[in-house]
């Protein structure tokens, strides 16, 4: 996660639209990004999570850890700002 910057109160939105499968290394990367965001006072959310990836996240309980949006537009809509 070198070079990733998240300022306090900001949202790191990870658009996973192009991701069709996520193994343990991908899960580790998501958790590292989450830890970094929290460490700097920010938040993290996932958008456009493919059904296979969503299933994997659910199996390991990460669907309860990450805020998940249908797509990036929904995540960045003004009504989503009040997380």
C-alpha atoms as a PDB file:
ATOM      1  CA  UNK A   1       0.000   0.000   0.000  1.00  0.00           C
ATOM      2  CA  UNK A   2       2.925   2.337  -0.589  1.00  0.00           C
ATOM      3  CA  UNK A   3       1.826   5.705  -1.894  1.00  0.00           C
ATOM      4  CA  UNK A   4      -1.753   5.393  -0.673  1.00  0.00           C
ATOM      5  CA  UNK A   5      -2.876   8.526   1.156  1.00  0.00           C
ATOM      6  CA  UNK A   6      -6.112   8.931   3.080  1.00  0.00           C
ATOM      7  CA  UNK A   7      -6.782  12.100   5.041  1.00  0.00           C
ATOM      8  CA  UNK A   8      -8.889  12.229   8.169  1.00  0.00           C
ATOM      9  CA  UNK A   9     -12.588  12.131   7.391  1.00  0.00           C
ATOM     10  CA  UNK A  10     -12.030  11.148   3.760  1.00  0.00           C
ATOM     11  CA  UNK A  11     -13.446   8.071   2.069  1.00  0.00           C
ATOM     12  CA  UNK A  12     -11.215   5.616   0.250  1.00  0.00           C
ATOM     13  CA  UNK A  13     -13.552   4.090  -2.317  1.00  0.00           C
ATOM     14  CA  UNK A  14     -12.309   0.929  -3.971  1.00  0.00           C
ATOM     15  CA  UNK A  15     -14.217   0.302  -7.202  1.00  0.00           C
ATOM     16  CA  UNK A  16     -14.001  -3.437  -7.785  1.00  0.00           C
ATOM     17  CA  UNK A  17     -15.980  -3.477 -11.044  1.00  0.00           C
ATOM     18  CA  UNK A  18     -13.145  -5.167 -12.939  1.00  0.00           C
ATOM     19  CA  UNK A  19     -12.394  -7.725 -10.219  1.00  0.00           C
ATOM     20  CA  UNK A  20     -14.030 -11.102 -10.856  1.00  0.00           C
ATOM     21  CA  UNK A  21     -12.201 -13.162  -8.220  1.00  0.00           C
ATOM     22  CA  UNK A  22     -10.451 -12.378  -4.957  1.00  0.00           C
ATOM     23  CA  UNK A  23      -8.155 -14.850  -3.207  1.00  0.00           C
ATOM     24  CA  UNK A  24      -6.354 -14.558   0.130  1.00  0.00           C
ATOM     25  CA  UNK A  25      -3.786 -12.102  -1.235  1.00  0.00           C
ATOM     26  CA  UNK A  26      -6.581  -9.829  -2.467  1.00  0.00           C
ATOM     27  CA  UNK A  27      -8.329 -10.048   0.892  1.00  0.00           C
ATOM     28  CA  UNK A  28      -5.038  -9.146   2.584  1.00  0.00           C
ATOM     29  CA  UNK A  29      -4.698  -6.110   0.300  1.00  0.00           C
ATOM     30  CA  UNK A  30      -8.245  -4.971   1.125  1.00  0.00           C
ATOM     31  CA  UNK A  31      -7.578  -5.343   4.847  1.00  0.00           C
ATOM     32  CA  UNK A  32      -4.278  -3.462   4.552  1.00  0.00           C
ATOM     33  CA  UNK A  33      -6.037  -0.600   2.768  1.00  0.00           C
ATOM     34  CA  UNK A  34      -8.730  -0.606   5.471  1.00  0.00           C
ATOM     35  CA  UNK A  35      -6.134  -0.486   8.243  1.00  0.00           C
ATOM     36  CA  UNK A  36      -4.316   2.381   6.540  1.00  0.00           C
ATOM     37  CA  UNK A  37      -7.526   4.364   6.060  1.00  0.00           C
ATOM     38  CA  UNK A  38      -8.530   3.895   9.689  1.00  0.00           C
ATOM     39  CA  UNK A  39      -5.012   4.697  10.922  1.00  0.00           C
ATOM     40  CA  UNK A  40      -5.245   8.080   9.183  1.00  0.00           C
ATOM     41  CA  UNK A  41      -8.781   8.816  10.389  1.00  0.00           C
ATOM     42  CA  UNK A  42     -10.444   7.970   7.086  1.00  0.00           C
ATOM     43  CA  UNK A  43     -13.031   5.467   5.979  1.00  0.00           C
ATOM     44  CA  UNK A  44     -13.113   2.774   3.318  1.00  0.00           C
ATOM     45  CA  UNK A  45     -15.894   1.372   1.180  1.00  0.00           C
ATOM     46  CA  UNK A  46     -16.135  -1.062  -1.703  1.00  0.00           C
ATOM     47  CA  UNK A  47     -18.190  -0.518  -4.845  1.00  0.00           C
ATOM     48  CA  UNK A  48     -19.341  -2.749  -7.697  1.00  0.00           C
ATOM     49  CA  UNK A  49     -18.375  -5.992  -5.963  1.00  0.00           C
ATOM     50  CA  UNK A  50     -18.911  -8.955  -8.308  1.00  0.00           C
ATOM     51  CA  UNK A  51     -21.141 -11.747  -6.964  1.00  0.00           C
ATOM     52  CA  UNK A  52     -18.262 -14.228  -6.653  1.00  0.00           C
ATOM     53  CA  UNK A  53     -16.150 -11.746  -4.698  1.00  0.00           C
ATOM     54  CA  UNK A  54     -19.158 -10.787  -2.568  1.00  0.00           C
ATOM     55  CA  UNK A  55     -19.664 -14.456  -1.728  1.00  0.00           C
ATOM     56  CA  UNK A  56     -16.030 -14.818  -0.667  1.00  0.00           C
ATOM     57  CA  UNK A  57     -16.255 -11.655   1.450  1.00  0.00           C
ATOM     58  CA  UNK A  58     -19.389 -13.059   3.058  1.00  0.00           C
ATOM     59  CA  UNK A  59     -17.805 -16.420   3.833  1.00  0.00           C
ATOM     60  CA  UNK A  60     -14.949 -14.764   5.728  1.00  0.00           C
ATOM     61  CA  UNK A  61     -17.216 -12.182   7.370  1.00  0.00           C
ATOM     62  CA  UNK A  62     -15.804  -9.148   5.594  1.00  0.00           C
ATOM     63  CA  UNK A  63     -19.221  -8.161   4.297  1.00  0.00           C
ATOM     64  CA  UNK A  64     -19.763  -7.034   7.901  1.00  0.00           C
ATOM     65  CA  UNK A  65     -16.463  -5.105   7.982  1.00  0.00           C
ATOM     66  CA  UNK A  66     -16.650  -3.168   4.708  1.00  0.00           C
ATOM     67  CA  UNK A  67     -19.393  -0.826   3.580  1.00  0.00           C
ATOM     68  CA  UNK A  68     -20.403  -2.142   0.163  1.00  0.00           C
ATOM     69  CA  UNK A  69     -22.177  -0.084  -2.499  1.00  0.00           C
ATOM     70  CA  UNK A  70     -23.786  -1.282  -5.723  1.00  0.00           C
ATOM     71  CA  UNK A  71     -21.528   1.006  -7.760  1.00  0.00           C
ATOM     72  CA  UNK A  72     -19.214   4.003  -7.439  1.00  0.00           C
ATOM     73  CA  UNK A  73     -21.959   6.485  -8.387  1.00  0.00           C
ATOM     74  CA  UNK A  74     -24.118   5.283  -5.512  1.00  0.00           C
ATOM     75  CA  UNK A  75     -21.183   5.502  -3.108  1.00  0.00           C
ATOM     76  CA  UNK A  76     -20.409   9.083  -4.065  1.00  0.00           C
ATOM     77  CA  UNK A  77     -24.020  10.322  -4.215  1.00  0.00           C
ATOM     78  CA  UNK A  78     -24.742  13.142  -1.740  1.00  0.00           C
ATOM     79  CA  UNK A  79     -27.117  10.937   0.266  1.00  0.00           C
ATOM     80  CA  UNK A  80     -24.253   8.471   0.883  1.00  0.00           C
ATOM     81  CA  UNK A  81     -22.080  11.122   2.510  1.00  0.00           C
ATOM     82  CA  UNK A  82     -23.723  10.671   5.910  1.00  0.00           C
ATOM     83  CA  UNK A  83     -22.151   7.311   6.742  1.00  0.00           C
END
